[in-house]
Amino acid sequence: MFTIALLESQYKTYILSDEAANSQLEVVPERGGIITQWRIQGQEILYLDMERFTNPELSVRGGIPILFPICGNLPDNTYTYNGQQYILKQHGFARDLPWEVIDQVTQQAASLTLVFNSNEQTRAVYPFDFQLAFTYQILGNSLEIRQKFTNHSPEPMPFSTGLHPYFGISDKTGLQFDIPASQFHDQKTKATHFFSGGFDLNSDEIDAAFRDLGDRSATATDTNRKLQLQLNWDDTYSTLVFWTLKGKNFYCLEPWSAPRNALNTGEQLIHLPPGASHDTLVRMTVNFL
């Protein structure tokens, strides 16, 4: 049986449930359309910093924030379009502004569709008219995030997009990775390193971007919890970012359609024609070992 319940608290929270699988997903539309919690068989899969979440002045650290129309940051938070300079903060604005629920489904799966439309606030920093429509679906131990980007502007719309899932973990020493790339770019040192399946988790911060992905799937295994996360993405995504901070109980595996600063460099940037739509899919599956 699939259900969707509405919890009225500080923020309206939609709770999607697959009762047969004992899985639940919580979504908060007004906080950037964010998924805040994902539980399977009583285990919480995601990390959430509640102090930041409850403060509407701060961006959320945790759950699965949405990155649009950029991934990462721009030098001095600026880019130029048609000779005009704009200021756009890290990861863009979709993760900070309210979304609207337009559809709920409880047959054969539990799914929730949210939309975010351009407005005066977005056009001041990104001069395009658009609609984003995201559908979150849970079925068994899997979460699918289907995304549609539609350009309502009279000119091509350049953008990149991504997801920033924070996966909860209490002991990072048990982490093992299978990532389809042989090297990564270290955002902190700007150096490129070969990758053999692990990181120096004693570092204060790890910010590693994998390019030239040889497959559309990666896994992270938490040997302590006997839990494996599988992440699948479609060919929209060119980059996979691993990020974590020492002393924090999370790690991030982030599918990005383009590397940081793509709005200036043009690298892997999507140019969506007027009136056109672009669809993407990311799937996350949890397996218990």
Protein backbone atom coordinates (compact mmCIF):
# COMPACT_ATOMS: atom_id res chain seq x y z
CA MET A 1 0.00 0.00 0.00
CA PHE A 2 1.26 3.46 -0.93
CA THR A 3 0.24 6.62 0.92
CA ILE A 4 1.05 10.32 1.07
CA ALA A 5 0.41 12.23 4.30
CA LEU A 6 0.73 15.94 5.03
CA LEU A 7 2.37 17.02 8.28
CA GLU A 8 1.72 20.59 9.37
CA SER A 9 4.75 21.75 11.38
CA GLN A 10 7.16 24.67 10.90
CA TYR A 11 7.09 23.76 7.21
CA LYS A 12 4.47 21.68 5.42
CA THR A 13 6.00 18.25 5.03
CA TYR A 14 4.76 15.56 2.63
CA ILE A 15 5.44 12.00 3.80
CA LEU A 16 5.47 9.35 1.07
CA SER A 17 5.23 5.74 2.25
CA ASP A 18 5.64 2.29 0.75
CA GLU A 19 4.18 0.27 3.60
CA ALA A 20 5.16 -3.14 2.19
CA ALA A 21 8.81 -2.10 2.01
CA ASN A 22 8.64 -0.08 5.25
CA SER A 23 10.09 2.95 3.45
CA GLN A 24 9.25 6.64 3.83
CA LEU A 25 10.32 9.83 2.10
CA GLU A 26 9.81 13.34 3.48
CA VAL A 27 9.64 16.38 1.17
CA VAL A 28 9.43 20.05 2.15
CA PRO A 29 8.34 22.13 -0.89
CA GLU A 30 8.79 25.60 0.65
CA ARG A 31 12.44 24.88 1.58
CA GLY A 32 13.67 24.54 -1.99
CA GLY A 33 11.59 21.47 -2.87
CA ILE A 34 14.00 19.46 -0.75
CA ILE A 35 13.88 15.83 0.30
CA THR A 36 14.76 15.96 4.00
CA GLN A 37 14.50 12.33 5.10
CA TRP A 38 14.51 8.87 3.52
CA ARG A 39 13.99 5.89 5.80
CA ILE A 40 14.09 2.21 4.87
CA GLN A 41 13.28 -0.51 7.39
CA GLY A 42 13.73 2.00 10.19
CA GLN A 43 17.16 3.16 9.03
CA GLU A 44 17.67 6.82 8.10
CA ILE A 45 19.61 7.06 4.85
CA LEU A 46 20.15 10.82 4.79
CA TYR A 47 21.82 13.37 7.05
CA LEU A 48 20.05 16.60 8.05
CA ASP A 49 21.42 19.56 10.01
CA MET A 50 18.25 20.48 11.90
CA GLU A 51 19.62 23.80 13.16
CA ARG A 52 20.16 25.07 9.61
CA PHE A 53 16.92 23.50 8.37
CA THR A 54 14.79 25.32 10.94
CA ASN A 55 16.46 28.68 10.19
CA PRO A 56 14.85 30.06 6.99
CA GLU A 57 17.74 32.53 6.59
CA LEU A 58 20.21 29.68 5.97
CA SER A 59 20.52 27.23 3.10
CA VAL A 60 19.86 23.65 4.16
CA ARG A 61 22.83 21.38 4.83
CA GLY A 62 21.43 17.89 4.52
CA GLY A 63 18.72 15.99 2.68
CA ILE A 64 18.91 16.30 -1.11
CA PRO A 65 19.22 19.95 -2.22
CA ILE A 66 18.54 20.82 -5.87
CA LEU A 67 21.29 22.57 -7.84
CA PHE A 68 20.12 24.95 -10.60
CA PRO A 69 21.07 26.82 -12.77
CA ILE A 70 24.67 26.13 -11.72
CA CYS A 71 26.57 23.46 -9.84
CA GLY A 72 29.30 24.64 -7.50
CA ASN A 73 30.37 28.25 -7.44
CA LEU A 74 31.46 30.92 -9.93
CA PRO A 75 34.58 33.07 -9.50
CA ASP A 76 33.45 36.04 -7.42
CA ASN A 77 29.90 34.62 -7.84
CA THR A 78 29.67 36.35 -11.23
CA TYR A 79 29.02 35.42 -14.85
CA THR A 80 28.45 37.40 -18.04
CA TYR A 81 25.56 36.96 -20.46
CA ASN A 82 25.03 39.16 -23.53
CA GLY A 83 27.62 41.60 -22.22
CA GLN A 84 25.91 42.04 -18.85
CA GLN A 85 27.35 40.80 -15.57
CA TYR A 86 25.17 38.91 -13.10
CA ILE A 87 25.74 37.72 -9.55
CA LEU A 88 24.70 34.14 -8.78
CA LYS A 89 25.59 32.43 -5.52
CA GLN A 90 26.90 28.90 -5.11
CA HIS A 91 24.66 26.14 -6.52
CA GLY A 92 22.10 28.69 -7.73
CA PHE A 93 18.70 29.55 -6.26
CA ALA A 94 16.41 26.54 -6.74
CA ARG A 95 17.45 25.04 -3.39
CA ASP A 96 16.46 28.18 -1.46
CA LEU A 97 13.11 29.26 -2.93
CA PRO A 98 9.64 27.71 -2.46
CA TRP A 99 8.27 25.06 -4.82
CA GLU A 100 4.64 24.08 -5.39
CA VAL A 101 3.11 20.59 -5.31
CA ILE A 102 1.01 19.89 -8.40
CA ASP A 103 0.46 16.12 -8.34
CA GLN A 104 0.33 13.17 -5.95
CA VAL A 105 0.17 9.49 -6.94
CA THR A 106 -0.37 6.48 -4.67
CA GLN A 107 -0.98 3.75 -7.25
CA GLN A 108 1.84 1.26 -8.00
CA ALA A 109 4.27 3.64 -6.25
CA ALA A 110 4.20 6.79 -4.13
CA SER A 111 5.18 9.91 -6.04
CA LEU A 112 5.01 13.65 -5.61
CA THR A 113 5.50 16.23 -8.37
CA LEU A 114 6.64 19.77 -7.58
CA VAL A 115 7.22 22.76 -9.85
CA PHE A 116 9.30 25.88 -9.62
CA ASN A 117 8.71 28.78 -12.02
CA SER A 118 10.91 31.74 -12.83
CA ASN A 119 9.91 35.01 -11.21
CA GLU A 120 11.19 38.53 -10.65
CA GLN A 121 13.67 37.33 -8.05
CA THR A 122 15.21 34.70 -10.34
CA ARG A 123 15.23 36.95 -13.43
CA ALA A 124 17.29 39.53 -11.53
CA VAL A 125 20.19 37.05 -11.35
CA TYR A 126 19.35 34.72 -14.27
CA PRO A 127 17.50 36.45 -17.15
CA PHE A 128 15.39 33.54 -18.40
CA ASP A 129 11.82 32.30 -18.08
CA PHE A 130 11.54 28.62 -17.22
CA GLN A 131 9.74 25.91 -15.32
CA LEU A 132 11.32 23.06 -13.36
CA ALA A 133 9.19 20.01 -12.59
CA PHE A 134 10.59 17.34 -10.28
CA THR A 135 8.87 14.04 -9.48
CA TYR A 136 10.04 12.11 -6.42
CA GLN A 137 9.00 8.46 -6.41
CA ILE A 138 9.64 5.69 -3.90
CA LEU A 139 9.12 2.02 -4.63
CA GLY A 140 10.69 -0.62 -2.42
CA ASN A 141 14.24 0.39 -1.54
CA SER A 142 14.57 2.78 -4.49
CA LEU A 143 14.11 6.52 -4.91
CA GLU A 144 13.70 7.97 -8.39
CA ILE A 145 14.06 11.67 -9.09
CA ARG A 146 12.66 12.55 -12.52
CA GLN A 147 13.30 16.10 -13.66
CA LYS A 148 11.93 18.24 -16.49
CA PHE A 149 13.45 21.60 -17.40
CA THR A 150 11.38 23.77 -19.77
CA ASN A 151 12.60 26.97 -21.42
CA HIS A 152 9.86 29.62 -21.78
CA SER A 153 12.31 32.26 -23.01
CA PRO A 154 12.60 33.46 -26.63
CA GLU A 155 16.32 32.57 -26.66
CA PRO A 156 18.31 29.43 -25.77
CA MET A 157 18.67 28.94 -22.02
CA PRO A 158 22.12 27.91 -20.72
CA PHE A 159 22.22 25.97 -17.46
CA SER A 160 23.67 23.11 -15.50
CA THR A 161 21.88 21.05 -12.89
CA GLY A 162 22.64 18.55 -10.19
CA LEU A 163 21.66 16.96 -6.91
CA HIS A 164 23.53 17.28 -3.62
CA PRO A 165 22.50 14.28 -1.49
CA TYR A 166 23.88 14.13 2.05
CA PHE A 167 24.15 10.49 3.11
CA GLY A 168 24.32 9.85 6.84
CA ILE A 169 27.20 7.88 8.32
CA SER A 170 28.52 7.54 11.88
CA ASP A 171 31.89 5.93 11.07
CA LYS A 172 33.55 6.86 7.77
CA THR A 173 36.34 4.30 8.23
CA GLY A 174 33.91 1.67 6.94
CA LEU A 175 33.27 3.41 3.63
CA GLN A 176 34.20 1.73 0.34
CA PHE A 177 33.56 3.19 -3.11
CA ASP A 178 33.15 1.93 -6.64
CA ILE A 179 33.26 5.03 -8.86
CA PRO A 180 33.63 4.67 -12.66
CA ALA A 181 36.67 6.94 -13.01
CA SER A 182 40.43 6.50 -12.56
CA GLN A 183 41.21 10.02 -11.35
CA PHE A 184 39.65 13.09 -9.76
CA HIS A 185 40.25 16.82 -9.55
CA ASP A 186 40.82 18.17 -6.03
CA GLN A 187 38.90 21.44 -5.77
CA LYS A 188 40.94 22.55 -2.73
CA THR A 189 44.45 22.02 -4.15
CA LYS A 190 43.49 22.18 -7.87
CA ALA A 191 45.57 19.01 -8.36
CA THR A 192 44.54 15.83 -10.18
CA HIS A 193 44.94 12.52 -8.37
CA PHE A 194 44.62 8.90 -9.38
CA PHE A 195 41.75 7.08 -7.68
CA SER A 196 41.88 3.49 -6.47
CA GLY A 197 38.65 3.30 -4.46
CA GLY A 198 39.35 5.31 -1.31
CA PHE A 199 40.09 8.74 0.17
CA ASP A 200 42.19 10.09 3.00
CA LEU A 201 39.28 10.54 5.38
CA ASN A 202 41.55 12.22 7.96
CA SER A 203 41.57 15.33 5.77
CA ASP A 204 39.63 18.33 7.08
CA GLU A 205 37.69 18.50 3.81
CA ILE A 206 37.52 16.39 0.68
CA ASP A 207 36.07 18.00 -2.45
CA ALA A 208 36.75 15.65 -5.37
CA ALA A 209 35.27 15.97 -8.86
CA PHE A 210 35.29 12.87 -11.07
CA ARG A 211 35.15 13.52 -14.81
CA ASP A 212 35.37 11.17 -17.80
CA LEU A 213 32.95 8.77 -16.15
CA GLY A 214 33.08 5.35 -17.75
CA ASP A 215 29.65 4.27 -16.54
CA ARG A 216 26.39 5.72 -15.24
CA SER A 217 26.50 4.01 -11.88
CA ALA A 218 28.48 4.25 -8.63
CA THR A 219 28.24 2.55 -5.25
CA ALA A 220 29.18 3.47 -1.71
CA THR A 221 29.32 0.66 0.82
CA ASP A 222 29.07 1.29 4.55
CA THR A 223 30.58 -1.92 5.93
CA ASN A 224 29.74 -0.95 9.51
CA ARG A 225 26.01 -0.62 8.82
CA LYS A 226 26.11 -3.42 6.23
CA LEU A 227 24.42 -1.08 3.78
CA GLN A 228 25.25 -0.33 0.15
CA LEU A 229 23.99 2.68 -1.75
CA GLN A 230 23.80 2.49 -5.54
CA LEU A 231 23.53 5.72 -7.51
CA ASN A 232 22.45 5.67 -11.17
CA TRP A 233 22.16 8.62 -13.54
CA ASP A 234 21.41 9.23 -17.20
CA ASP A 235 23.69 10.74 -19.85
CA THR A 236 22.82 14.31 -18.82
CA TYR A 237 25.40 14.01 -16.04
CA SER A 238 29.11 14.39 -16.82
CA THR A 239 30.55 14.85 -13.32
CA LEU A 240 30.30 13.07 -9.97
CA VAL A 241 31.44 15.02 -6.90
CA PHE A 242 32.42 13.47 -3.57
CA TRP A 243 32.40 15.91 -0.64
CA THR A 244 32.73 15.51 3.11
CA LEU A 245 33.98 17.40 6.16
CA LYS A 246 35.99 15.95 9.02
CA GLY A 247 33.91 15.48 12.16
CA LYS A 248 30.58 15.62 10.30
CA ASN A 249 28.37 12.54 10.00
CA PHE A 250 27.76 12.77 6.26
CA TYR A 251 29.28 12.22 2.87
CA CYS A 252 27.94 13.50 -0.45
CA LEU A 253 27.92 11.85 -3.85
CA GLU A 254 26.60 14.49 -6.24
CA PRO A 255 25.71 13.96 -9.91
CA TRP A 256 26.33 17.21 -11.82
CA SER A 257 25.53 17.86 -15.47
CA ALA A 258 28.58 20.13 -15.77
CA PRO A 259 31.62 21.12 -13.71
CA ARG A 260 31.71 24.31 -11.66
CA ASN A 261 31.91 27.61 -13.57
CA ALA A 262 30.31 26.11 -16.67
CA LEU A 263 28.13 29.22 -17.07
CA ASN A 264 31.34 31.12 -17.86
CA THR A 265 33.40 28.43 -19.61
CA GLY A 266 30.58 26.73 -21.50
CA GLU A 267 31.99 23.30 -20.62
CA GLN A 268 29.24 20.64 -20.72
CA LEU A 269 26.67 23.45 -20.44
CA ILE A 270 23.13 22.61 -21.58
CA HIS A 271 21.69 25.13 -24.08
CA LEU A 272 17.95 24.49 -24.11
CA PRO A 273 16.17 25.88 -27.22
CA PRO A 274 13.15 28.19 -26.81
CA GLY A 275 10.03 26.23 -25.94
CA ALA A 276 11.95 22.99 -25.47
CA SER A 277 12.16 20.68 -22.48
CA HIS A 278 14.96 18.50 -21.15
CA ASP A 279 14.29 15.41 -19.04
CA THR A 280 16.72 13.74 -16.63
CA LEU A 281 16.63 10.83 -14.22
CA VAL A 282 18.61 9.93 -11.10
CA ARG A 283 17.91 6.73 -9.16
CA MET A 284 19.17 5.78 -5.70
CA THR A 285 18.83 2.25 -4.35
CA VAL A 286 19.73 0.91 -0.91
CA ASN A 287 20.79 -2.71 -0.48
CA PHE A 288 21.29 -4.35 2.89
CA LEU A 289 24.28 -6.70 2.96
